[in-house]
């Protein structure tokens, strides 16, 4: 048992012991009065602070805070006085009812009272598509909810419902539509994800291509996806774009020469792949002078180049570094 759990158990045990002692010496009614009195006093103080802030802010909600404050203060006084105990019960029931109604209202904040009382089907028939969609969604009828959201022009909500309904192709279609409407790359990425879930690799690749135009480090993923889809021509085009991206990155940060080498190898240009791997090995050697952990990468690079002596030398330096740790 950890310290926090032990303290929590001790605290609860102490509260129970105090409550039991109060009931034994003063009776259960006194305990009830004390508990309710403390709760109502604290609640009244909180509402008084809120009321003061809202008055200072000149908010119209100050009146609501005052309406809540008056019965709370009266209930706290009655718990002390206990001349009208039923009043405390009525006030408590009133607050419970207000809390239930508040939660009911917050569950569907955009609906009018009449819309809340109507069925999803009747709201749909009346052209109240947004409210109908919310009702269908709440019932777990995500397909119908999505249809109503589309009619209401709420495509993102519709896409989310299609996702919940596991109708991934329809979700993907909506994200494609949103991407074209809003010209935001995020939606292409979402469309790609759902086409992939739907098993439509070509459509997924097309969407990821659009996303890669803004986020070029995804061209490698595009290439792999076209390979999975069996389109070698488009895969080659994507690999070339990935190569262009990694070459630019390698000019600023030499670690990317490894990726450049891999792509050249993929494209069948073995000479350029070797040249890139040599640059990567040279970069790793420079880094190894500052951080000996890099000797592992130096060894691997020279191993790929077939330079066994240099690879063995780098491996020994890495092992020395490991033995010192």
C-alpha atoms as a PDB file:
ATOM      1  CA  UNK A   1       0.000   0.000   0.000  1.00  0.00           C
ATOM      2  CA  UNK A   2       1.446   3.390  -0.978  1.00  0.00           C
ATOM      3  CA  UNK A   3       1.571   6.415   1.309  1.00  0.00           C
ATOM      4  CA  UNK A   4      -1.229   8.309  -0.455  1.00  0.00           C
ATOM      5  CA  UNK A   5      -3.645   5.344  -0.236  1.00  0.00           C
ATOM      6  CA  UNK A   6      -2.832   4.877   3.443  1.00  0.00           C
ATOM      7  CA  UNK A   7      -3.493   8.579   4.155  1.00  0.00           C
ATOM      8  CA  UNK A   8      -6.782   8.455   2.210  1.00  0.00           C
ATOM      9  CA  UNK A   9      -7.950   5.409   4.174  1.00  0.00           C
ATOM     10  CA  UNK A  10      -6.936   7.063   7.451  1.00  0.00           C
ATOM     11  CA  UNK A  11      -8.822  10.252   6.502  1.00  0.00           C
ATOM     12  CA  UNK A  12     -12.007   8.358   5.603  1.00  0.00           C
ATOM     13  CA  UNK A  13     -11.742   6.304   8.798  1.00  0.00           C
ATOM     14  CA  UNK A  14     -11.358   9.512  10.849  1.00  0.00           C
ATOM     15  CA  UNK A  15     -14.453  11.070   9.211  1.00  0.00           C
ATOM     16  CA  UNK A  16     -16.498   7.930   9.906  1.00  0.00           C
ATOM     17  CA  UNK A  17     -15.288   7.870  13.503  1.00  0.00           C
ATOM     18  CA  UNK A  18     -16.195  11.532  14.036  1.00  0.00           C
ATOM     19  CA  UNK A  19     -19.634  11.012  12.451  1.00  0.00           C
ATOM     20  CA  UNK A  20     -20.219   7.956  14.628  1.00  0.00           C
ATOM     21  CA  UNK A  21     -19.205   9.911  17.762  1.00  0.00           C
ATOM     22  CA  UNK A  22     -21.582  12.765  16.884  1.00  0.00           C
ATOM     23  CA  UNK A  23     -24.476  10.327  16.336  1.00  0.00           C
ATOM     24  CA  UNK A  24     -23.683   8.556  19.625  1.00  0.00           C
ATOM     25  CA  UNK A  25     -23.519  11.739  21.761  1.00  0.00           C
ATOM     26  CA  UNK A  26     -25.933  14.089  19.943  1.00  0.00           C
ATOM     27  CA  UNK A  27     -28.088  11.928  17.653  1.00  0.00           C
ATOM     28  CA  UNK A  28     -28.470  11.442  13.922  1.00  0.00           C
ATOM     29  CA  UNK A  29     -30.555  14.597  13.426  1.00  0.00           C
ATOM     30  CA  UNK A  30     -27.757  16.744  14.814  1.00  0.00           C
ATOM     31  CA  UNK A  31     -25.299  15.103  12.396  1.00  0.00           C
ATOM     32  CA  UNK A  32     -27.693  15.812   9.500  1.00  0.00           C
ATOM     33  CA  UNK A  33     -28.082  19.455  10.601  1.00  0.00           C
ATOM     34  CA  UNK A  34     -24.308  19.852  10.917  1.00  0.00           C
ATOM     35  CA  UNK A  35     -23.557  18.294   7.525  1.00  0.00           C
ATOM     36  CA  UNK A  36     -26.247  20.256   5.700  1.00  0.00           C
ATOM     37  CA  UNK A  37     -25.348  23.447   7.552  1.00  0.00           C
ATOM     38  CA  UNK A  38     -21.672  23.233   6.552  1.00  0.00           C
ATOM     39  CA  UNK A  39     -22.586  22.424   2.928  1.00  0.00           C
ATOM     40  CA  UNK A  40     -25.107  25.262   2.644  1.00  0.00           C
ATOM     41  CA  UNK A  41     -22.800  27.752   4.380  1.00  0.00           C
ATOM     42  CA  UNK A  42     -19.954  26.971   1.976  1.00  0.00           C
ATOM     43  CA  UNK A  43     -22.341  27.039  -0.986  1.00  0.00           C
ATOM     44  CA  UNK A  44     -23.733  30.418   0.118  1.00  0.00           C
ATOM     45  CA  UNK A  45     -20.219  31.848   0.458  1.00  0.00           C
ATOM     46  CA  UNK A  46     -19.344  30.611  -3.023  1.00  0.00           C
ATOM     47  CA  UNK A  47     -22.500  32.107  -4.524  1.00  0.00           C
ATOM     48  CA  UNK A  48     -21.866  35.394  -2.686  1.00  0.00           C
ATOM     49  CA  UNK A  49     -18.387  35.601  -4.247  1.00  0.00           C
ATOM     50  CA  UNK A  50     -19.789  34.761  -7.690  1.00  0.00           C
ATOM     51  CA  UNK A  51     -22.556  37.329  -7.221  1.00  0.00           C
ATOM     52  CA  UNK A  52     -20.022  40.017  -6.293  1.00  0.00           C
ATOM     53  CA  UNK A  53     -17.882  39.231  -9.343  1.00  0.00           C
ATOM     54  CA  UNK A  54     -20.891  39.287 -11.687  1.00  0.00           C
ATOM     55  CA  UNK A  55     -22.132  42.595 -10.230  1.00  0.00           C
ATOM     56  CA  UNK A  56     -18.671  44.083 -10.721  1.00  0.00           C
ATOM     57  CA  UNK A  57     -18.658  42.779 -14.307  1.00  0.00           C
ATOM     58  CA  UNK A  58     -22.170  44.166 -14.841  1.00  0.00           C
ATOM     59  CA  UNK A  59     -23.356  40.763 -16.001  1.00  0.00           C
ATOM     60  CA  UNK A  60     -27.024  39.932 -16.391  1.00  0.00           C
ATOM     61  CA  UNK A  61     -26.311  36.559 -14.738  1.00  0.00           C
ATOM     62  CA  UNK A  62     -25.824  38.310 -11.376  1.00  0.00           C
ATOM     63  CA  UNK A  63     -29.578  37.942 -10.789  1.00  0.00           C
ATOM     64  CA  UNK A  64     -29.323  34.152 -11.174  1.00  0.00           C
ATOM     65  CA  UNK A  65     -26.489  34.059  -8.634  1.00  0.00           C
ATOM     66  CA  UNK A  66     -28.613  36.102  -6.212  1.00  0.00           C
ATOM     67  CA  UNK A  67     -31.600  33.770  -6.724  1.00  0.00           C
ATOM     68  CA  UNK A  68     -29.345  30.847  -5.796  1.00  0.00           C
ATOM     69  CA  UNK A  69     -27.688  32.698  -2.895  1.00  0.00           C
ATOM     70  CA  UNK A  70     -30.831  33.642  -0.930  1.00  0.00           C
ATOM     71  CA  UNK A  71     -32.220  30.094  -0.364  1.00  0.00           C
ATOM     72  CA  UNK A  72     -28.707  28.745   0.317  1.00  0.00           C
ATOM     73  CA  UNK A  73     -28.142  31.353   3.064  1.00  0.00           C
ATOM     74  CA  UNK A  74     -31.622  30.740   4.478  1.00  0.00           C
ATOM     75  CA  UNK A  75     -31.035  26.951   4.509  1.00  0.00           C
ATOM     76  CA  UNK A  76     -27.707  27.440   6.312  1.00  0.00           C
ATOM     77  CA  UNK A  77     -29.467  29.565   8.966  1.00  0.00           C
ATOM     78  CA  UNK A  78     -32.297  27.019   9.324  1.00  0.00           C
ATOM     79  CA  UNK A  79     -29.768  24.216   9.879  1.00  0.00           C
ATOM     80  CA  UNK A  80     -28.542  26.231  12.855  1.00  0.00           C
ATOM     81  CA  UNK A  81     -31.950  27.415  14.078  1.00  0.00           C
ATOM     82  CA  UNK A  82     -33.900  24.256  13.057  1.00  0.00           C
ATOM     83  CA  UNK A  83     -37.277  26.003  13.544  1.00  0.00           C
ATOM     84  CA  UNK A  84     -38.498  25.057  10.045  1.00  0.00           C
ATOM     85  CA  UNK A  85     -36.682  21.828   9.097  1.00  0.00           C
ATOM     86  CA  UNK A  86     -39.087  21.131   6.245  1.00  0.00           C
ATOM     87  CA  UNK A  87     -37.899  24.346   4.577  1.00  0.00           C
ATOM     88  CA  UNK A  88     -34.401  22.858   4.403  1.00  0.00           C
ATOM     89  CA  UNK A  89     -35.892  19.767   2.741  1.00  0.00           C
ATOM     90  CA  UNK A  90     -37.796  21.862   0.204  1.00  0.00           C
ATOM     91  CA  UNK A  91     -34.695  23.909  -0.612  1.00  0.00           C
ATOM     92  CA  UNK A  92     -32.581  20.755  -0.964  1.00  0.00           C
ATOM     93  CA  UNK A  93     -35.190  19.232  -3.289  1.00  0.00           C
ATOM     94  CA  UNK A  94     -35.245  22.485  -5.268  1.00  0.00           C
ATOM     95  CA  UNK A  95     -31.470  22.468  -5.758  1.00  0.00           C
ATOM     96  CA  UNK A  96     -31.524  18.797  -6.812  1.00  0.00           C
ATOM     97  CA  UNK A  97     -34.279  19.548  -9.339  1.00  0.00           C
ATOM     98  CA  UNK A  98     -32.334  22.569 -10.628  1.00  0.00           C
ATOM     99  CA  UNK A  99     -29.204  20.422 -11.019  1.00  0.00           C
ATOM    100  CA  UNK A 100     -31.125  17.745 -12.958  1.00  0.00           C
ATOM    101  CA  UNK A 101     -32.697  20.371 -15.242  1.00  0.00           C
ATOM    102  CA  UNK A 102     -29.312  22.026 -15.708  1.00  0.00           C
ATOM    103  CA  UNK A 103     -27.687  18.752 -16.757  1.00  0.00           C
ATOM    104  CA  UNK A 104     -30.614  18.071 -19.090  1.00  0.00           C
ATOM    105  CA  UNK A 105     -30.153  21.490 -20.649  1.00  0.00           C
ATOM    106  CA  UNK A 106     -26.385  21.132 -20.994  1.00  0.00           C
ATOM    107  CA  UNK A 107     -26.796  17.737 -22.675  1.00  0.00           C
ATOM    108  CA  UNK A 108     -28.385  19.484 -25.693  1.00  0.00           C
ATOM    109  CA  UNK A 109     -27.530  23.195 -25.291  1.00  0.00           C
ATOM    110  CA  UNK A 110     -28.417  24.222 -28.855  1.00  0.00           C
ATOM    111  CA  UNK A 111     -31.967  22.910 -28.788  1.00  0.00           C
ATOM    112  CA  UNK A 112     -35.115  24.733 -27.828  1.00  0.00           C
ATOM    113  CA  UNK A 113     -37.451  23.218 -25.244  1.00  0.00           C
ATOM    114  CA  UNK A 114     -39.888  22.046 -27.931  1.00  0.00           C
ATOM    115  CA  UNK A 115     -37.064  20.402 -29.912  1.00  0.00           C
ATOM    116  CA  UNK A 116     -35.921  18.542 -26.823  1.00  0.00           C
ATOM    117  CA  UNK A 117     -39.371  16.999 -26.415  1.00  0.00           C
ATOM    118  CA  UNK A 118     -39.698  15.866 -30.038  1.00  0.00           C
ATOM    119  CA  UNK A 119     -38.333  12.655 -31.566  1.00  0.00           C
ATOM    120  CA  UNK A 120     -35.415  12.583 -33.987  1.00  0.00           C
ATOM    121  CA  UNK A 121     -37.680  11.415 -36.831  1.00  0.00           C
ATOM    122  CA  UNK A 122     -40.173  14.269 -36.329  1.00  0.00           C
ATOM    123  CA  UNK A 123     -37.351  16.825 -36.173  1.00  0.00           C
ATOM    124  CA  UNK A 124     -35.895  15.412 -39.401  1.00  0.00           C
ATOM    125  CA  UNK A 125     -39.301  15.571 -41.089  1.00  0.00           C
ATOM    126  CA  UNK A 126     -39.685  19.194 -39.967  1.00  0.00           C
ATOM    127  CA  UNK A 127     -36.314  20.105 -41.495  1.00  0.00           C
ATOM    128  CA  UNK A 128     -34.593  20.560 -38.127  1.00  0.00           C
ATOM    129  CA  UNK A 129     -31.619  18.540 -39.328  1.00  0.00           C
ATOM    130  CA  UNK A 130     -29.062  19.694 -36.767  1.00  0.00           C
ATOM    131  CA  UNK A 131     -31.312  18.861 -33.819  1.00  0.00           C
ATOM    132  CA  UNK A 132     -32.387  15.588 -35.439  1.00  0.00           C
ATOM    133  CA  UNK A 133     -28.740  14.642 -35.949  1.00  0.00           C
ATOM    134  CA  UNK A 134     -27.994  15.269 -32.272  1.00  0.00           C
ATOM    135  CA  UNK A 135     -30.935  13.056 -31.280  1.00  0.00           C
ATOM    136  CA  UNK A 136     -29.871  10.254 -33.643  1.00  0.00           C
ATOM    137  CA  UNK A 137     -26.280  10.538 -32.423  1.00  0.00           C
ATOM    138  CA  UNK A 138     -27.364  10.292 -28.811  1.00  0.00           C
ATOM    139  CA  UNK A 139     -29.304   7.106 -29.617  1.00  0.00           C
ATOM    140  CA  UNK A 140     -26.254   5.603 -31.337  1.00  0.00           C
ATOM    141  CA  UNK A 141     -27.826   5.742 -34.800  1.00  0.00           C
ATOM    142  CA  UNK A 142     -24.686   7.235 -36.346  1.00  0.00           C
ATOM    143  CA  UNK A 143     -25.649   6.567 -39.960  1.00  0.00           C
ATOM    144  CA  UNK A 144     -28.852   8.603 -39.722  1.00  0.00           C
ATOM    145  CA  UNK A 145     -27.048  11.235 -37.647  1.00  0.00           C
ATOM    146  CA  UNK A 146     -24.446  11.628 -40.408  1.00  0.00           C
ATOM    147  CA  UNK A 147     -27.161  12.016 -43.067  1.00  0.00           C
ATOM    148  CA  UNK A 148     -28.818  14.793 -41.048  1.00  0.00           C
ATOM    149  CA  UNK A 149     -25.519  16.538 -40.361  1.00  0.00           C
ATOM    150  CA  UNK A 150     -24.833  16.570 -44.115  1.00  0.00           C
ATOM    151  CA  UNK A 151     -28.236  18.165 -44.743  1.00  0.00           C
ATOM    152  CA  UNK A 152     -27.411  20.708 -42.034  1.00  0.00           C
ATOM    153  CA  UNK A 153     -24.089  21.472 -43.749  1.00  0.00           C
ATOM    154  CA  UNK A 154     -22.034  20.124 -40.835  1.00  0.00           C
ATOM    155  CA  UNK A 155     -19.656  17.894 -42.764  1.00  0.00           C
ATOM    156  CA  UNK A 156     -17.061  17.393 -40.012  1.00  0.00           C
ATOM    157  CA  UNK A 157     -19.719  16.168 -37.592  1.00  0.00           C
ATOM    158  CA  UNK A 158     -21.083  13.898 -40.328  1.00  0.00           C
ATOM    159  CA  UNK A 159     -17.627  12.474 -40.991  1.00  0.00           C
ATOM    160  CA  UNK A 160     -17.171  11.791 -37.276  1.00  0.00           C
ATOM    161  CA  UNK A 161     -20.504   9.931 -37.194  1.00  0.00           C
ATOM    162  CA  UNK A 162     -19.542   7.834 -40.214  1.00  0.00           C
ATOM    163  CA  UNK A 163     -16.324   6.997 -38.384  1.00  0.00           C
ATOM    164  CA  UNK A 164     -18.334   5.853 -35.338  1.00  0.00           C
ATOM    165  CA  UNK A 165     -20.549   3.813 -37.662  1.00  0.00           C
ATOM    166  CA  UNK A 166     -17.369   2.318 -39.206  1.00  0.00           C
ATOM    167  CA  UNK A 167     -18.497   3.493 -42.641  1.00  0.00           C
ATOM    168  CA  UNK A 168     -14.974   4.602 -43.430  1.00  0.00           C
ATOM    169  CA  UNK A 169     -15.401   5.186 -47.172  1.00  0.00           C
ATOM    170  CA  UNK A 170     -18.150   7.771 -46.588  1.00  0.00           C
ATOM    171  CA  UNK A 171     -16.061   9.471 -43.894  1.00  0.00           C
ATOM    172  CA  UNK A 172     -13.142   9.632 -46.338  1.00  0.00           C
ATOM    173  CA  UNK A 173     -15.344  11.151 -49.067  1.00  0.00           C
ATOM    174  CA  UNK A 174     -16.476  13.894 -46.699  1.00  0.00           C
ATOM    175  CA  UNK A 175     -12.902  14.697 -45.635  1.00  0.00           C
ATOM    176  CA  UNK A 176     -11.925  14.939 -49.319  1.00  0.00           C
ATOM    177  CA  UNK A 177     -14.790  17.365 -49.851  1.00  0.00           C
ATOM    178  CA  UNK A 178     -13.715  19.417 -46.831  1.00  0.00           C
ATOM    179  CA  UNK A 179     -10.117  19.485 -48.071  1.00  0.00           C
ATOM    180  CA  UNK A 180     -11.251  20.940 -51.401  1.00  0.00           C
ATOM    181  CA  UNK A 181     -13.626  23.416 -49.765  1.00  0.00           C
ATOM    182  CA  UNK A 182     -11.330  24.687 -47.015  1.00  0.00           C
ATOM    183  CA  UNK A 183      -7.994  24.119 -48.774  1.00  0.00           C
ATOM    184  CA  UNK A 184      -6.484  22.704 -45.595  1.00  0.00           C
ATOM    185  CA  UNK A 185      -4.002  19.825 -45.727  1.00  0.00           C
ATOM    186  CA  UNK A 186      -5.267  18.333 -42.460  1.00  0.00           C
ATOM    187  CA  UNK A 187      -8.394  17.037 -44.211  1.00  0.00           C
ATOM    188  CA  UNK A 188      -6.341  15.254 -46.899  1.00  0.00           C
ATOM    189  CA  UNK A 189      -4.532  13.444 -44.093  1.00  0.00           C
ATOM    190  CA  UNK A 190      -7.842  12.434 -42.523  1.00  0.00           C
ATOM    191  CA  UNK A 191      -9.190  11.280 -45.881  1.00  0.00           C
ATOM    192  CA  UNK A 192      -6.055   9.172 -46.375  1.00  0.00           C
ATOM    193  CA  UNK A 193      -6.487   7.541 -42.956  1.00  0.00           C
ATOM    194  CA  UNK A 194     -10.087   6.549 -43.640  1.00  0.00           C
ATOM    195  CA  UNK A 195      -9.508   5.353 -47.206  1.00  0.00           C
ATOM    196  CA  UNK A 196      -6.760   3.184 -45.750  1.00  0.00           C
ATOM    197  CA  UNK A 197      -9.159   1.802 -43.131  1.00  0.00           C
ATOM    198  CA  UNK A 198     -11.691   1.165 -45.900  1.00  0.00           C
ATOM    199  CA  UNK A 199      -9.057  -0.868 -47.763  1.00  0.00           C
ATOM    200  CA  UNK A 200      -8.963   1.536 -50.740  1.00  0.00           C
ATOM    201  CA  UNK A 201      -5.191   1.932 -51.129  1.00  0.00           C
ATOM    202  CA  UNK A 202      -5.283   3.872 -54.390  1.00  0.00           C
ATOM    203  CA  UNK A 203      -7.665   6.495 -53.003  1.00  0.00           C
ATOM    204  CA  UNK A 204      -5.578   6.608 -49.830  1.00  0.00           C
ATOM    205  CA  UNK A 205      -2.418   7.199 -51.871  1.00  0.00           C
ATOM    206  CA  UNK A 206      -4.087   9.969 -53.892  1.00  0.00           C
ATOM    207  CA  UNK A 207      -5.100  11.798 -50.700  1.00  0.00           C
ATOM    208  CA  UNK A 208      -1.704  11.351 -49.083  1.00  0.00           C
ATOM    209  CA  UNK A 209      -0.147  12.749 -52.266  1.00  0.00           C
ATOM    210  CA  UNK A 210      -2.194  15.922 -51.820  1.00  0.00           C
ATOM    211  CA  UNK A 211      -1.083  16.119 -48.198  1.00  0.00           C
ATOM    212  CA  UNK A 212       2.564  15.567 -49.134  1.00  0.00           C
ATOM    213  CA  UNK A 213       2.475  18.673 -51.333  1.00  0.00           C
ATOM    214  CA  UNK A 214       2.323  20.708 -48.094  1.00  0.00           C
ATOM    215  CA  UNK A 215       4.215  18.240 -45.889  1.00  0.00           C
ATOM    216  CA  UNK A 216       6.932  16.792 -48.194  1.00  0.00           C
ATOM    217  CA  UNK A 217       8.376  14.356 -45.640  1.00  0.00           C
ATOM    218  CA  UNK A 218       5.327  12.187 -46.438  1.00  0.00           C
ATOM    219  CA  UNK A 219       6.466  11.465 -50.019  1.00  0.00           C
ATOM    220  CA  UNK A 220       8.225   8.318 -48.816  1.00  0.00           C
ATOM    221  CA  UNK A 221       4.956   7.061 -47.309  1.00  0.00           C
ATOM    222  CA  UNK A 222       3.180   7.934 -50.556  1.00  0.00           C
ATOM    223  CA  UNK A 223       5.721   5.881 -52.508  1.00  0.00           C
ATOM    224  CA  UNK A 224       5.303   2.857 -50.234  1.00  0.00           C
ATOM    225  CA  UNK A 225       1.513   3.129 -50.481  1.00  0.00           C
ATOM    226  CA  UNK A 226       1.611   3.196 -54.288  1.00  0.00           C
ATOM    227  CA  UNK A 227       3.832   0.115 -54.149  1.00  0.00           C
ATOM    228  CA  UNK A 228       1.241  -1.643 -51.983  1.00  0.00           C
ATOM    229  CA  UNK A 229      -1.434  -0.581 -54.485  1.00  0.00           C
ATOM    230  CA  UNK A 230       0.641  -2.097 -57.294  1.00  0.00           C
ATOM    231  CA  UNK A 231       1.220   1.141 -59.218  1.00  0.00           C
ATOM    232  CA  UNK A 232       4.998   1.111 -59.857  1.00  0.00           C
ATOM    233  CA  UNK A 233       4.947   4.204 -62.086  1.00  0.00           C
ATOM    234  CA  UNK A 234       3.345   6.434 -59.459  1.00  0.00           C
ATOM    235  CA  UNK A 235       5.527   4.841 -56.784  1.00  0.00           C
ATOM    236  CA  UNK A 236       8.654   5.802 -58.748  1.00  0.00           C
ATOM    237  CA  UNK A 237       7.385   9.382 -59.139  1.00  0.00           C
ATOM    238  CA  UNK A 238       6.786   9.589 -55.378  1.00  0.00           C
ATOM    239  CA  UNK A 239      10.235   8.139 -54.625  1.00  0.00           C
ATOM    240  CA  UNK A 240      11.795  10.837 -56.818  1.00  0.00           C
ATOM    241  CA  UNK A 241       9.921  13.542 -54.912  1.00  0.00           C
ATOM    242  CA  UNK A 242      11.007  11.958 -51.621  1.00  0.00           C
ATOM    243  CA  UNK A 243      14.588  12.000 -52.927  1.00  0.00           C
ATOM    244  CA  UNK A 244      14.299  15.690 -53.770  1.00  0.00           C
ATOM    245  CA  UNK A 245      13.086  16.434 -50.241  1.00  0.00           C
ATOM    246  CA  UNK A 246      15.772  14.353 -48.466  1.00  0.00           C
ATOM    247  CA  UNK A 247      18.544  15.777 -50.670  1.00  0.00           C
ATOM    248  CA  UNK A 248      17.599  19.317 -49.606  1.00  0.00           C
ATOM    249  CA  UNK A 249      17.452  18.238 -45.969  1.00  0.00           C
ATOM    250  CA  UNK A 250      20.823  16.459 -46.238  1.00  0.00           C
ATOM    251  CA  UNK A 251      22.470  19.680 -47.391  1.00  0.00           C
ATOM    252  CA  UNK A 252      21.517  21.204 -44.037  1.00  0.00           C
ATOM    253  CA  UNK A 253      21.759  18.086 -41.848  1.00  0.00           C
ATOM    254  CA  UNK A 254      24.024  15.273 -43.030  1.00  0.00           C
ATOM    255  CA  UNK A 255      22.118  12.549 -41.186  1.00  0.00           C
ATOM    256  CA  UNK A 256      19.590  12.555 -44.062  1.00  0.00           C
ATOM    257  CA  UNK A 257      22.247  11.244 -46.499  1.00  0.00           C
ATOM    258  CA  UNK A 258      21.330   7.765 -45.274  1.00  0.00           C
ATOM    259  CA  UNK A 259      17.768   8.294 -46.547  1.00  0.00           C
ATOM    260  CA  UNK A 260      19.140   9.711 -49.800  1.00  0.00           C
ATOM    261  CA  UNK A 261      21.288   6.583 -50.233  1.00  0.00           C
ATOM    262  CA  UNK A 262      18.340   4.260 -49.569  1.00  0.00           C
ATOM    263  CA  UNK A 263      16.156   5.995 -52.150  1.00  0.00           C
ATOM    264  CA  UNK A 264      18.889   6.022 -54.813  1.00  0.00           C
ATOM    265  CA  UNK A 265      19.281   2.294 -54.147  1.00  0.00           C
ATOM    266  CA  UNK A 266      15.524   1.890 -54.499  1.00  0.00           C
ATOM    267  CA  UNK A 267      15.606   3.714 -57.845  1.00  0.00           C
ATOM    268  CA  UNK A 268      18.473   1.536 -59.059  1.00  0.00           C
ATOM    269  CA  UNK A 269      21.167   4.245 -59.130  1.00  0.00           C
ATOM    270  CA  UNK A 270      23.802   2.331 -57.167  1.00  0.00           C
ATOM    271  CA  UNK A 271      26.664   4.757 -57.834  1.00  0.00           C
ATOM    272  CA  UNK A 272      24.779   7.753 -56.429  1.00  0.00           C
ATOM    273  CA  UNK A 273      23.580   5.565 -53.554  1.00  0.00           C
ATOM    274  CA  UNK A 274      27.213   4.810 -52.715  1.00  0.00           C
ATOM    275  CA  UNK A 275      28.200   8.475 -52.925  1.00  0.00           C
ATOM    276  CA  UNK A 276      25.387   9.417 -50.546  1.00  0.00           C
ATOM    277  CA  UNK A 277      26.353   6.632 -48.117  1.00  0.00           C
ATOM    278  CA  UNK A 278      29.974   7.884 -48.114  1.00  0.00           C
ATOM    279  CA  UNK A 279      28.701  11.356 -47.165  1.00  0.00           C
ATOM    280  CA  UNK A 280      26.591   9.792 -44.441  1.00  0.00           C
ATOM    281  CA  UNK A 281      29.608   7.882 -43.074  1.00  0.00           C
ATOM    282  CA  UNK A 282      31.680  11.095 -43.071  1.00  0.00           C
ATOM    283  CA  UNK A 283      28.903  12.917 -41.235  1.00  0.00           C
ATOM    284  CA  UNK A 284      28.690  10.125 -38.633  1.00  0.00           C
ATOM    285  CA  UNK A 285      32.456  10.251 -38.089  1.00  0.00           C
ATOM    286  CA  UNK A 286      32.276  13.988 -37.346  1.00  0.00           C
ATOM    287  CA  UNK A 287      29.446  13.379 -34.891  1.00  0.00           C
ATOM    288  CA  UNK A 288      31.398  10.498 -33.289  1.00  0.00           C
ATOM    289  CA  UNK A 289      34.199  12.906 -32.412  1.00  0.00           C
ATOM    290  CA  UNK A 290      31.678  14.770 -30.222  1.00  0.00           C
ATOM    291  CA  UNK A 291      29.598  11.775 -29.101  1.00  0.00           C
ATOM    292  CA  UNK A 292      31.186   8.301 -29.150  1.00  0.00           C
ATOM    293  CA  UNK A 293      27.757   6.635 -29.442  1.00  0.00           C
ATOM    294  CA  UNK A 294      27.844   7.614 -33.130  1.00  0.00           C
ATOM    295  CA  UNK A 295      30.640   5.065 -33.794  1.00  0.00           C
ATOM    296  CA  UNK A 296      27.883   2.460 -34.083  1.00  0.00           C
ATOM    297  CA  UNK A 297      26.389   4.333 -37.064  1.00  0.00           C
ATOM    298  CA  UNK A 298      29.871   4.827 -38.552  1.00  0.00           C
ATOM    299  CA  UNK A 299      30.426   1.056 -38.395  1.00  0.00           C
ATOM    300  CA  UNK A 300      27.050   0.320 -39.995  1.00  0.00           C
ATOM    301  CA  UNK A 301      27.664   2.840 -42.787  1.00  0.00           C
ATOM    302  CA  UNK A 302      31.073   1.418 -43.692  1.00  0.00           C
ATOM    303  CA  UNK A 303      29.625  -2.096 -43.474  1.00  0.00           C
ATOM    304  CA  UNK A 304      27.069  -1.160 -46.132  1.00  0.00           C
ATOM    305  CA  UNK A 305      29.847   0.339 -48.255  1.00  0.00           C
ATOM    306  CA  UNK A 306      31.798  -2.915 -48.025  1.00  0.00           C
ATOM    307  CA  UNK A 307      34.699  -1.185 -46.266  1.00  0.00           C
ATOM    308  CA  UNK A 308      35.221  -3.907 -43.679  1.00  0.00           C
ATOM    309  CA  UNK A 309      38.445  -2.569 -42.115  1.00  0.00           C
ATOM    310  CA  UNK A 310      36.934   0.835 -41.399  1.00  0.00           C
ATOM    311  CA  UNK A 311      33.728  -0.813 -40.197  1.00  0.00           C
ATOM    312  CA  UNK A 312      35.686  -3.022 -37.783  1.00  0.00           C
ATOM    313  CA  UNK A 313      37.721  -0.074 -36.535  1.00  0.00           C
ATOM    314  CA  UNK A 314      34.558   1.932 -35.845  1.00  0.00           C
ATOM    315  CA  UNK A 315      32.929  -1.074 -34.164  1.00  0.00           C
ATOM    316  CA  UNK A 316      35.878  -1.426 -31.762  1.00  0.00           C
ATOM    317  CA  UNK A 317      35.657   2.273 -30.855  1.00  0.00           C
ATOM    318  CA  UNK A 318      31.960   1.828 -30.162  1.00  0.00           C
ATOM    319  CA  UNK A 319      32.640  -1.218 -27.971  1.00  0.00           C
ATOM    320  CA  UNK A 320      35.274   0.760 -26.041  1.00  0.00           C
ATOM    321  CA  UNK A 321      32.726   3.484 -25.499  1.00  0.00           C
ATOM    322  CA  UNK A 322      30.176   0.903 -24.267  1.00  0.00           C
ATOM    323  CA  UNK A 323      32.672  -0.689 -21.871  1.00  0.00           C
ATOM    324  CA  UNK A 324      33.377   2.710 -20.257  1.00  0.00           C
ATOM    325  CA  UNK A 325      29.700   3.347 -19.502  1.00  0.00           C
END
